[in-house]
All heavy atoms as atom14 arrays in JSON, in Angstrom:
{
  "sequence": "VNEAALMAARVGKRLVGMADFEMAKDKVMMGAERRSAVITPDQQKTTA",
  "atom14_mask": [
    [1, 1, 1, 1, 1, 1, 1, 0, 0, 0, 0, 0, 0, 0],
    [1, 1, 1, 1, 1, 1, 1, 1, 0, 0, 0, 0, 0, 0],
    [1, 1, 1, 1, 1, 1, 1, 1, 1, 0, 0, 0, 0, 0],
    [1, 1, 1, 1, 1, 0, 0, 0, 0, 0, 0, 0, 0, 0],
    [1, 1, 1, 1, 1, 0, 0, 0, 0, 0, 0, 0, 0, 0],
    [1, 1, 1, 1, 1, 1, 1, 1, 0, 0, 0, 0, 0, 0],
    [1, 1, 1, 1, 1, 1, 1, 1, 0, 0, 0, 0, 0, 0],
    [1, 1, 1, 1, 1, 0, 0, 0, 0, 0, 0, 0, 0, 0],
    [1, 1, 1, 1, 1, 0, 0, 0, 0, 0, 0, 0, 0, 0],
    [1, 1, 1, 1, 1, 1, 1, 1, 1, 1, 1, 0, 0, 0],
    [1, 1, 1, 1, 1, 1, 1, 0, 0, 0, 0, 0, 0, 0],
    [1, 1, 1, 1, 0, 0, 0, 0, 0, 0, 0, 0, 0, 0],
    [1, 1, 1, 1, 1, 1, 1, 1, 1, 0, 0, 0, 0, 0],
    [1, 1, 1, 1, 1, 1, 1, 1, 1, 1, 1, 0, 0, 0],
    [1, 1, 1, 1, 1, 1, 1, 1, 0, 0, 0, 0, 0, 0],
    [1, 1, 1, 1, 1, 1, 1, 0, 0, 0, 0, 0, 0, 0],
    [1, 1, 1, 1, 0, 0, 0, 0, 0, 0, 0, 0, 0, 0],
    [1, 1, 1, 1, 1, 1, 1, 1, 0, 0, 0, 0, 0, 0],
    [1, 1, 1, 1, 1, 0, 0, 0, 0, 0, 0, 0, 0, 0],
    [1, 1, 1, 1, 1, 1, 1, 1, 0, 0, 0, 0, 0, 0],
    [1, 1, 1, 1, 1, 1, 1, 1, 1, 1, 1, 0, 0, 0],
    [1, 1, 1, 1, 1, 1, 1, 1, 1, 0, 0, 0, 0, 0],
    [1, 1, 1, 1, 1, 1, 1, 1, 0, 0, 0, 0, 0, 0],
    [1, 1, 1, 1, 1, 0, 0, 0, 0, 0, 0, 0, 0, 0],
    [1, 1, 1, 1, 1, 1, 1, 1, 1, 0, 0, 0, 0, 0],
    [1, 1, 1, 1, 1, 1, 1, 1, 0, 0, 0, 0, 0, 0],
    [1, 1, 1, 1, 1, 1, 1, 1, 1, 0, 0, 0, 0, 0],
    [1, 1, 1, 1, 1, 1, 1, 0, 0, 0, 0, 0, 0, 0],
    [1, 1, 1, 1, 1, 1, 1, 1, 0, 0, 0, 0, 0, 0],
    [1, 1, 1, 1, 1, 1, 1, 1, 0, 0, 0, 0, 0, 0],
    [1, 1, 1, 1, 0, 0, 0, 0, 0, 0, 0, 0, 0, 0],
    [1, 1, 1, 1, 1, 0, 0, 0, 0, 0, 0, 0, 0, 0],
    [1, 1, 1, 1, 1, 1, 1, 1, 1, 0, 0, 0, 0, 0],
    [1, 1, 1, 1, 1, 1, 1, 1, 1, 1, 1, 0, 0, 0],
    [1, 1, 1, 1, 1, 1, 1, 1, 1, 1, 1, 0, 0, 0],
    [1, 1, 1, 1, 1, 1, 0, 0, 0, 0, 0, 0, 0, 0],
    [1, 1, 1, 1, 1, 0, 0, 0, 0, 0, 0, 0, 0, 0],
    [1, 1, 1, 1, 1, 1, 1, 0, 0, 0, 0, 0, 0, 0],
    [1, 1, 1, 1, 1, 1, 1, 1, 0, 0, 0, 0, 0, 0],
    [1, 1, 1, 1, 1, 1, 1, 0, 0, 0, 0, 0, 0, 0],
    [1, 1, 1, 1, 1, 1, 1, 0, 0, 0, 0, 0, 0, 0],
    [1, 1, 1, 1, 1, 1, 1, 1, 0, 0, 0, 0, 0, 0],
    [1, 1, 1, 1, 1, 1, 1, 1, 1, 0, 0, 0, 0, 0],
    [1, 1, 1, 1, 1, 1, 1, 1, 1, 0, 0, 0, 0, 0],
    [1, 1, 1, 1, 1, 1, 1, 1, 1, 0, 0, 0, 0, 0],
    [1, 1, 1, 1, 1, 1, 1, 0, 0, 0, 0, 0, 0, 0],
    [1, 1, 1, 1, 1, 1, 1, 0, 0, 0, 0, 0, 0, 0],
    [1, 1, 1, 1, 1, 0, 0, 0, 0, 0, 0, 0, 0, 0]
  ],
  "atom14_positions": [
    [[7.87, 7.67, 8.53], [6.93, 8.71, 8.94], [6.6, 9.62, 7.76], [5.43, 9.96, 7.52], [7.48, 9.51, 10.15], [6.6, 10.71, 10.46], [7.61, 8.62, 11.37], [0.0, 0.0, 0.0], [0.0, 0.0, 0.0], [0.0, 0.0, 0.0], [0.0, 0.0, 0.0], [0.0, 0.0, 0.0], [0.0, 0.0, 0.0], [0.0, 0.0, 0.0]],
    [[7.62, 10.02, 7.0], [7.39, 10.87, 5.83], [6.52, 10.16, 4.8], [5.61, 10.77, 4.21], [8.72, 11.27, 5.18], [9.48, 12.26, 6.03], [8.91, 12.96, 6.85], [10.79, 12.3, 5.84], [0.0, 0.0, 0.0], [0.0, 0.0, 0.0], [0.0, 0.0, 0.0], [0.0, 0.0, 0.0], [0.0, 0.0, 0.0], [0.0, 0.0, 0.0]],
    [[6.78, 8.88, 4.58], [6.0, 8.1, 3.61], [4.54, 8.0, 4.05], [3.62, 8.11, 3.23], [6.62, 6.71, 3.46], [6.22, 5.96, 2.23], [6.67, 6.62, 0.94], [7.85, 6.96, 0.81], [5.79, 6.79, 0.05], [0.0, 0.0, 0.0], [0.0, 0.0, 0.0], [0.0, 0.0, 0.0], [0.0, 0.0, 0.0], [0.0, 0.0, 0.0]],
    [[4.31, 7.8, 5.35], [2.94, 7.73, 5.87], [2.22, 9.06, 5.66], [1.04, 9.09, 5.27], [2.95, 7.35, 7.35], [0.0, 0.0, 0.0], [0.0, 0.0, 0.0], [0.0, 0.0, 0.0], [0.0, 0.0, 0.0], [0.0, 0.0, 0.0], [0.0, 0.0, 0.0], [0.0, 0.0, 0.0], [0.0, 0.0, 0.0], [0.0, 0.0, 0.0]],
    [[2.92, 10.16, 5.91], [2.32, 11.49, 5.71], [1.97, 11.71, 4.24], [0.9, 12.25, 3.92], [3.28, 12.57, 6.2], [0.0, 0.0, 0.0], [0.0, 0.0, 0.0], [0.0, 0.0, 0.0], [0.0, 0.0, 0.0], [0.0, 0.0, 0.0], [0.0, 0.0, 0.0], [0.0, 0.0, 0.0], [0.0, 0.0, 0.0], [0.0, 0.0, 0.0]],
    [[2.85, 11.27, 3.34], [2.57, 11.39, 1.9], [1.36, 10.57, 1.49], [0.52, 11.02, 0.7], [3.79, 10.96, 1.08], [4.97, 11.92, 1.08], [6.19, 11.27, 0.42], [4.61, 13.21, 0.37], [0.0, 0.0, 0.0], [0.0, 0.0, 0.0], [0.0, 0.0, 0.0], [0.0, 0.0, 0.0], [0.0, 0.0, 0.0], [0.0, 0.0, 0.0]],
    [[1.25, 9.37, 2.03], [0.11, 8.51, 1.69], [-1.2, 9.13, 2.15], [-2.19, 9.08, 1.44], [0.3, 7.12, 2.29], [1.44, 6.38, 1.68], [1.27, 4.62, 1.85], [2.5, 4.08, 0.7], [0.0, 0.0, 0.0], [0.0, 0.0, 0.0], [0.0, 0.0, 0.0], [0.0, 0.0, 0.0], [0.0, 0.0, 0.0], [0.0, 0.0, 0.0]],
    [[-1.19, 9.71, 3.34], [-2.4, 10.37, 3.84], [-2.74, 11.58, 2.98], [-3.91, 11.82, 2.65], [-2.21, 10.77, 5.3], [0.0, 0.0, 0.0], [0.0, 0.0, 0.0], [0.0, 0.0, 0.0], [0.0, 0.0, 0.0], [0.0, 0.0, 0.0], [0.0, 0.0, 0.0], [0.0, 0.0, 0.0], [0.0, 0.0, 0.0], [0.0, 0.0, 0.0]],
    [[-1.73, 12.36, 2.61], [-1.95, 13.57, 1.8], [-2.5, 13.23, 0.42], [-3.33, 13.96, -0.12], [-0.65, 14.36, 1.68], [0.0, 0.0, 0.0], [0.0, 0.0, 0.0], [0.0, 0.0, 0.0], [0.0, 0.0, 0.0], [0.0, 0.0, 0.0], [0.0, 0.0, 0.0], [0.0, 0.0, 0.0], [0.0, 0.0, 0.0], [0.0, 0.0, 0.0]],
    [[-2.05, 12.11, -0.15], [-2.51, 11.72, -1.49], [-4.01, 11.49, -1.56], [-4.62, 11.69, -2.6], [-1.79, 10.44, -1.94], [-0.42, 10.7, -2.48], [0.18, 9.46, -3.13], [1.61, 9.65, -3.23], [2.53, 8.97, -2.57], [2.17, 8.0, -1.74], [3.8, 9.23, -2.72], [0.0, 0.0, 0.0], [0.0, 0.0, 0.0], [0.0, 0.0, 0.0]],
    [[-4.59, 11.06, -0.46], [-6.03, 10.8, -0.45], [-6.8, 11.91, 0.27], [-7.98, 11.75, 0.58], [-6.36, 9.41, 0.16], [-5.84, 8.3, -0.73], [-5.82, 9.27, 1.58], [0.0, 0.0, 0.0], [0.0, 0.0, 0.0], [0.0, 0.0, 0.0], [0.0, 0.0, 0.0], [0.0, 0.0, 0.0], [0.0, 0.0, 0.0], [0.0, 0.0, 0.0]],
    [[-6.12, 13.01, 0.55], [-6.79, 14.18, 1.11], [-7.09, 14.12, 2.6], [-7.94, 14.86, 3.09], [0.0, 0.0, 0.0], [0.0, 0.0, 0.0], [0.0, 0.0, 0.0], [0.0, 0.0, 0.0], [0.0, 0.0, 0.0], [0.0, 0.0, 0.0], [0.0, 0.0, 0.0], [0.0, 0.0, 0.0], [0.0, 0.0, 0.0], [0.0, 0.0, 0.0]],
    [[-6.4, 13.27, 3.35], [-6.62, 13.2, 4.8], [-5.9, 14.35, 5.5], [-4.82, 14.75, 5.09], [-6.09, 11.88, 5.36], [-6.86, 10.66, 4.94], [-6.24, 9.46, 5.66], [-6.9, 8.16, 5.3], [-6.22, 7.03, 5.95], [0.0, 0.0, 0.0], [0.0, 0.0, 0.0], [0.0, 0.0, 0.0], [0.0, 0.0, 0.0], [0.0, 0.0, 0.0]],
    [[-6.53, 14.85, 6.56], [-5.88, 15.88, 7.37], [-5.02, 15.27, 8.47], [-4.11, 15.9, 8.98], [-6.92, 16.81, 7.96], [-7.54, 17.71, 6.89], [-8.49, 18.76, 7.42], [-8.23, 19.16, 8.78], [-9.17, 19.3, 9.71], [-10.44, 19.07, 9.43], [-8.86, 19.7, 10.93], [0.0, 0.0, 0.0], [0.0, 0.0, 0.0], [0.0, 0.0, 0.0]],
    [[-5.36, 14.05, 8.89], [-4.62, 13.36, 9.94], [-4.02, 12.06, 9.37], [-4.65, 11.38, 8.57], [-5.53, 13.02, 11.12], [-6.14, 14.2, 11.88], [-7.1, 13.68, 12.95], [-5.07, 15.07, 12.5], [0.0, 0.0, 0.0], [0.0, 0.0, 0.0], [0.0, 0.0, 0.0], [0.0, 0.0, 0.0], [0.0, 0.0, 0.0], [0.0, 0.0, 0.0]],
    [[-2.82, 11.74, 9.82], [-2.15, 10.51, 9.4], [-2.56, 9.4, 10.36], [-2.31, 9.49, 11.56], [-0.62, 10.68, 9.39], [0.06, 9.41, 8.91], [-0.21, 11.87, 8.53], [0.0, 0.0, 0.0], [0.0, 0.0, 0.0], [0.0, 0.0, 0.0], [0.0, 0.0, 0.0], [0.0, 0.0, 0.0], [0.0, 0.0, 0.0], [0.0, 0.0, 0.0]],
    [[-3.22, 8.37, 9.84], [-3.72, 7.28, 10.67], [-2.83, 6.06, 10.67], [-1.84, 5.98, 9.93], [0.0, 0.0, 0.0], [0.0, 0.0, 0.0], [0.0, 0.0, 0.0], [0.0, 0.0, 0.0], [0.0, 0.0, 0.0], [0.0, 0.0, 0.0], [0.0, 0.0, 0.0], [0.0, 0.0, 0.0], [0.0, 0.0, 0.0], [0.0, 0.0, 0.0]],
    [[-3.21, 5.1, 11.49], [-2.45, 3.86, 11.59], [-2.43, 3.12, 10.26], [-1.42, 2.51, 9.9], [-3.05, 2.98, 12.7], [-2.14, 1.9, 13.2], [-0.68, 2.63, 14.01], [0.06, 1.17, 14.68], [0.0, 0.0, 0.0], [0.0, 0.0, 0.0], [0.0, 0.0, 0.0], [0.0, 0.0, 0.0], [0.0, 0.0, 0.0], [0.0, 0.0, 0.0]],
    [[-3.52, 3.18, 9.51], [-3.57, 2.52, 8.2], [-2.53, 3.11, 7.26], [-1.92, 2.38, 6.46], [-4.97, 2.64, 7.6], [0.0, 0.0, 0.0], [0.0, 0.0, 0.0], [0.0, 0.0, 0.0], [0.0, 0.0, 0.0], [0.0, 0.0, 0.0], [0.0, 0.0, 0.0], [0.0, 0.0, 0.0], [0.0, 0.0, 0.0], [0.0, 0.0, 0.0]],
    [[-2.3, 4.42, 7.34], [-1.28, 5.06, 6.51], [0.11, 4.56, 6.89], [0.96, 4.33, 6.02], [-1.35, 6.59, 6.66], [-2.71, 7.14, 6.25], [-3.15, 6.83, 5.13], [-3.32, 7.87, 7.05], [0.0, 0.0, 0.0], [0.0, 0.0, 0.0], [0.0, 0.0, 0.0], [0.0, 0.0, 0.0], [0.0, 0.0, 0.0], [0.0, 0.0, 0.0]],
    [[0.35, 4.4, 8.19], [1.64, 3.87, 8.63], [1.82, 2.42, 8.18], [2.92, 2.01, 7.8], [1.78, 3.98, 10.16], [2.23, 5.33, 10.61], [1.31, 6.25, 11.09], [3.55, 5.7, 10.55], [1.71, 7.51, 11.5], [3.98, 6.96, 10.96], [3.04, 7.87, 11.43], [0.0, 0.0, 0.0], [0.0, 0.0, 0.0], [0.0, 0.0, 0.0]],
    [[0.75, 1.63, 8.22], [0.84, 0.24, 7.75], [1.2, 0.19, 6.26], [2.05, -0.58, 5.84], [-0.5, -0.48, 7.98], [-0.69, -0.98, 9.38], [0.31, -2.06, 9.79], [0.64, -2.93, 8.95], [0.78, -2.02, 10.93], [0.0, 0.0, 0.0], [0.0, 0.0, 0.0], [0.0, 0.0, 0.0], [0.0, 0.0, 0.0], [0.0, 0.0, 0.0]],
    [[0.52, 1.02, 5.46], [0.82, 1.04, 4.02], [2.24, 1.53, 3.76], [2.94, 1.0, 2.9], [-0.2, 1.91, 3.29], [-1.58, 1.29, 3.22], [-2.73, 2.14, 2.11], [-2.79, 3.77, 2.82], [0.0, 0.0, 0.0], [0.0, 0.0, 0.0], [0.0, 0.0, 0.0], [0.0, 0.0, 0.0], [0.0, 0.0, 0.0], [0.0, 0.0, 0.0]],
    [[2.67, 2.53, 4.53], [4.03, 3.05, 4.37], [5.06, 1.99, 4.74], [6.07, 1.82, 4.05], [4.22, 4.3, 5.22], [0.0, 0.0, 0.0], [0.0, 0.0, 0.0], [0.0, 0.0, 0.0], [0.0, 0.0, 0.0], [0.0, 0.0, 0.0], [0.0, 0.0, 0.0], [0.0, 0.0, 0.0], [0.0, 0.0, 0.0], [0.0, 0.0, 0.0]],
    [[4.79, 1.27, 5.82], [5.72, 0.21, 6.26], [5.82, -0.88, 5.2], [6.91, -1.34, 4.86], [5.24, -0.38, 7.59], [6.18, -1.4, 8.18], [5.72, -1.85, 9.54], [4.44, -2.61, 9.4], [4.01, -3.3, 10.6], [0.0, 0.0, 0.0], [0.0, 0.0, 0.0], [0.0, 0.0, 0.0], [0.0, 0.0, 0.0], [0.0, 0.0, 0.0]],
    [[4.67, -1.27, 4.64], [4.68, -2.28, 3.58], [5.49, -1.8, 2.38], [6.25, -2.55, 1.79], [3.25, -2.61, 3.14], [2.49, -3.4, 4.2], [3.11, -3.85, 5.18], [1.26, -3.55, 4.05], [0.0, 0.0, 0.0], [0.0, 0.0, 0.0], [0.0, 0.0, 0.0], [0.0, 0.0, 0.0], [0.0, 0.0, 0.0], [0.0, 0.0, 0.0]],
    [[5.3, -0.55, 2.02], [6.02, -0.01, 0.86], [7.53, 0.03, 1.12], [8.32, -0.36, 0.26], [5.52, 1.4, 0.53], [6.2, 2.0, -0.68], [5.67, 3.37, -1.03], [6.4, 3.93, -2.24], [5.98, 5.29, -2.55], [0.0, 0.0, 0.0], [0.0, 0.0, 0.0], [0.0, 0.0, 0.0], [0.0, 0.0, 0.0], [0.0, 0.0, 0.0]],
    [[7.93, 0.49, 2.31], [9.35, 0.59, 2.63], [10.0, -0.79, 2.73], [11.1, -1.01, 2.23], [9.55, 1.39, 3.95], [10.98, 1.29, 4.45], [9.16, 2.84, 3.74], [0.0, 0.0, 0.0], [0.0, 0.0, 0.0], [0.0, 0.0, 0.0], [0.0, 0.0, 0.0], [0.0, 0.0, 0.0], [0.0, 0.0, 0.0], [0.0, 0.0, 0.0]],
    [[9.29, -1.75, 3.34], [9.87, -3.08, 3.57], [9.79, -3.99, 2.34], [10.7, -4.78, 2.1], [9.17, -3.76, 4.75], [9.45, -3.1, 6.07], [8.52, -3.84, 7.42], [9.54, -5.23, 7.83], [0.0, 0.0, 0.0], [0.0, 0.0, 0.0], [0.0, 0.0, 0.0], [0.0, 0.0, 0.0], [0.0, 0.0, 0.0], [0.0, 0.0, 0.0]],
    [[8.7, -3.91, 1.59], [8.48, -4.89, 0.52], [8.37, -4.28, -0.87], [8.22, -5.0, -1.84], [7.2, -5.68, 0.81], [7.27, -6.46, 2.09], [5.72, -7.29, 2.47], [4.75, -5.96, 3.13], [0.0, 0.0, 0.0], [0.0, 0.0, 0.0], [0.0, 0.0, 0.0], [0.0, 0.0, 0.0], [0.0, 0.0, 0.0], [0.0, 0.0, 0.0]],
    [[8.38, -2.97, -0.97], [8.24, -2.32, -2.27], [6.8, -1.85, -2.48], [5.89, -2.2, -1.74], [0.0, 0.0, 0.0], [0.0, 0.0, 0.0], [0.0, 0.0, 0.0], [0.0, 0.0, 0.0], [0.0, 0.0, 0.0], [0.0, 0.0, 0.0], [0.0, 0.0, 0.0], [0.0, 0.0, 0.0], [0.0, 0.0, 0.0], [0.0, 0.0, 0.0]],
    [[6.64, -1.07, -3.52], [5.32, -0.51, -3.83], [4.38, -1.6, -4.34], [4.82, -2.62, -4.88], [5.46, 0.58, -4.89], [0.0, 0.0, 0.0], [0.0, 0.0, 0.0], [0.0, 0.0, 0.0], [0.0, 0.0, 0.0], [0.0, 0.0, 0.0], [0.0, 0.0, 0.0], [0.0, 0.0, 0.0], [0.0, 0.0, 0.0], [0.0, 0.0, 0.0]],
    [[3.08, -1.36, -4.14], [2.08, -2.3, -4.66], [2.2, -2.37, -6.17], [2.4, -1.36, -6.83], [0.66, -1.81, -4.3], [0.31, -1.95, -2.86], [-1.12, -1.5, -2.6], [-1.9, -1.33, -3.55], [-1.45, -1.31, -1.42], [0.0, 0.0, 0.0], [0.0, 0.0, 0.0], [0.0, 0.0, 0.0], [0.0, 0.0, 0.0], [0.0, 0.0, 0.0]],
    [[2.05, -3.58, -6.7], [2.07, -3.75, -8.16], [0.64, -3.98, -8.62], [0.27, -5.07, -9.04], [2.96, -4.93, -8.54], [4.42, -4.7, -8.25], [5.28, -5.82, -8.77], [4.88, -7.09, -8.15], [4.95, -8.26, -8.76], [5.38, -8.37, -9.98], [4.57, -9.36, -8.12], [0.0, 0.0, 0.0], [0.0, 0.0, 0.0], [0.0, 0.0, 0.0]],
    [[-0.17, -2.94, -8.54], [-1.58, -3.05, -8.93], [-1.72, -3.34, -10.42], [-2.71, -3.9, -10.85], [-2.33, -1.77, -8.59], [-2.42, -1.53, -7.09], [-3.84, -1.57, -6.62], [-3.92, -1.29, -5.19], [-4.64, -2.02, -4.38], [-5.32, -3.05, -4.8], [-4.69, -1.72, -3.1], [0.0, 0.0, 0.0], [0.0, 0.0, 0.0], [0.0, 0.0, 0.0]],
    [[-0.73, -2.94, -11.2], [-0.8, -3.14, -12.65], [-0.36, -4.56, -13.06], [-0.48, -4.91, -14.23], [0.08, -2.12, -13.37], [1.43, -2.29, -12.98], [0.0, 0.0, 0.0], [0.0, 0.0, 0.0], [0.0, 0.0, 0.0], [0.0, 0.0, 0.0], [0.0, 0.0, 0.0], [0.0, 0.0, 0.0], [0.0, 0.0, 0.0], [0.0, 0.0, 0.0]],
    [[0.13, -5.34, -12.1], [0.57, -6.7, -12.43], [-0.62, -7.53, -12.93], [-1.69, -7.52, -12.33], [1.19, -7.36, -11.21], [0.0, 0.0, 0.0], [0.0, 0.0, 0.0], [0.0, 0.0, 0.0], [0.0, 0.0, 0.0], [0.0, 0.0, 0.0], [0.0, 0.0, 0.0], [0.0, 0.0, 0.0], [0.0, 0.0, 0.0], [0.0, 0.0, 0.0]],
    [[-0.4, -8.23, -14.03], [-1.46, -9.06, -14.6], [-1.37, -10.44, -13.95], [-0.45, -11.21, -14.22], [-1.31, -9.17, -16.14], [-2.39, -10.06, -16.71], [-1.34, -7.8, -16.77], [0.0, 0.0, 0.0], [0.0, 0.0, 0.0], [0.0, 0.0, 0.0], [0.0, 0.0, 0.0], [0.0, 0.0, 0.0], [0.0, 0.0, 0.0], [0.0, 0.0, 0.0]],
    [[-2.32, -10.72, -13.08], [-2.34, -12.0, -12.37], [-3.66, -12.68, -12.67], [-4.73, -12.1, -12.46], [-2.17, -11.77, -10.85], [-0.82, -11.08, -10.6], [-2.23, -13.09, -10.1], [-0.65, -10.58, -9.2], [0.0, 0.0, 0.0], [0.0, 0.0, 0.0], [0.0, 0.0, 0.0], [0.0, 0.0, 0.0], [0.0, 0.0, 0.0], [0.0, 0.0, 0.0]],
    [[-3.59, -13.88, -13.15], [-4.8, -14.6, -13.53], [-5.57, -15.01, -12.28], [-5.0, -15.12, -11.19], [-4.45, -15.87, -14.33], [-3.74, -16.78, -13.47], [-3.6, -15.55, -15.56], [0.0, 0.0, 0.0], [0.0, 0.0, 0.0], [0.0, 0.0, 0.0], [0.0, 0.0, 0.0], [0.0, 0.0, 0.0], [0.0, 0.0, 0.0], [0.0, 0.0, 0.0]],
    [[-6.88, -15.26, -12.41], [-7.66, -15.72, -11.26], [-7.1, -17.0, -10.63], [-7.14, -17.15, -9.4], [-9.05, -15.95, -11.85], [-9.12, -15.01, -13.01], [-7.72, -14.97, -13.57], [0.0, 0.0, 0.0], [0.0, 0.0, 0.0], [0.0, 0.0, 0.0], [0.0, 0.0, 0.0], [0.0, 0.0, 0.0], [0.0, 0.0, 0.0], [0.0, 0.0, 0.0]],
    [[-6.55, -17.9, -11.45], [-5.94, -19.13, -10.89], [-4.73, -18.8, -10.03], [-4.55, -19.41, -8.96], [-5.53, -20.09, -12.02], [-6.72, -20.84, -12.6], [-7.79, -20.84, -11.96], [-6.57, -21.43, -13.69], [0.0, 0.0, 0.0], [0.0, 0.0, 0.0], [0.0, 0.0, 0.0], [0.0, 0.0, 0.0], [0.0, 0.0, 0.0], [0.0, 0.0, 0.0]],
    [[-3.91, -17.86, -10.48], [-2.74, -17.46, -9.69], [-3.17, -16.77, -8.39], [-2.57, -16.99, -7.34], [-1.83, -16.54, -10.5], [-1.08, -17.25, -11.6], [-0.3, -16.28, -12.47], [-0.78, -15.2, -12.79], [0.9, -16.68, -12.86], [0.0, 0.0, 0.0], [0.0, 0.0, 0.0], [0.0, 0.0, 0.0], [0.0, 0.0, 0.0], [0.0, 0.0, 0.0]],
    [[-4.21, -15.95, -8.46], [-4.72, -15.31, -7.24], [-5.24, -16.35, -6.26], [-5.0, -16.25, -5.05], [-5.84, -14.33, -7.59], [-5.34, -13.05, -8.23], [-6.48, -12.1, -8.55], [-7.58, -12.52, -8.89], [-6.21, -10.81, -8.45], [0.0, 0.0, 0.0], [0.0, 0.0, 0.0], [0.0, 0.0, 0.0], [0.0, 0.0, 0.0], [0.0, 0.0, 0.0]],
    [[-5.94, -17.35, -6.78], [-6.48, -18.41, -5.91], [-5.33, -19.18, -5.25], [-5.37, -19.44, -4.04], [-7.35, -19.36, -6.75], [-7.96, -20.49, -5.96], [-8.82, -21.36, -6.86], [-9.41, -22.53, -6.11], [-10.21, -23.41, -6.99], [0.0, 0.0, 0.0], [0.0, 0.0, 0.0], [0.0, 0.0, 0.0], [0.0, 0.0, 0.0], [0.0, 0.0, 0.0]],
    [[-4.31, -19.52, -6.03], [-3.16, -20.23, -5.48], [-2.48, -19.4, -4.4], [-2.14, -19.9, -3.33], [-2.15, -20.57, -6.6], [-2.79, -21.39, -7.57], [-0.93, -21.29, -6.06], [0.0, 0.0, 0.0], [0.0, 0.0, 0.0], [0.0, 0.0, 0.0], [0.0, 0.0, 0.0], [0.0, 0.0, 0.0], [0.0, 0.0, 0.0], [0.0, 0.0, 0.0]],
    [[-2.3, -18.1, -4.68], [-1.66, -17.21, -3.71], [-2.5, -17.12, -2.43], [-1.96, -17.15, -1.32], [-1.45, -15.81, -4.31], [-0.66, -15.93, -5.5], [-0.76, -14.88, -3.34], [0.0, 0.0, 0.0], [0.0, 0.0, 0.0], [0.0, 0.0, 0.0], [0.0, 0.0, 0.0], [0.0, 0.0, 0.0], [0.0, 0.0, 0.0], [0.0, 0.0, 0.0]],
    [[-3.81, -17.03, -2.58], [-4.69, -16.94, -1.42], [-4.59, -18.19, -0.55], [-4.48, -18.09, 0.69], [-6.13, -16.71, -1.87], [0.0, 0.0, 0.0], [0.0, 0.0, 0.0], [0.0, 0.0, 0.0], [0.0, 0.0, 0.0], [0.0, 0.0, 0.0], [0.0, 0.0, 0.0], [0.0, 0.0, 0.0], [0.0, 0.0, 0.0], [0.0, 0.0, 0.0]]
  ]
}
C-alpha cells in the first residue's frame, strides 16, 4: 500500500489507482523495472 501511494505521488496523482497498485505489486514481487537494461531488438522479439 505504501509503495502504491509513493508511485502515485511520484507522478503527481491525488488518488492512488489500481494501476499504481499493480505497479507496486510488480515491484515488490519481482523487483524494480530495469528500464536502463540494454536489450537488443532480437532479444525483445524473442521475449515477446
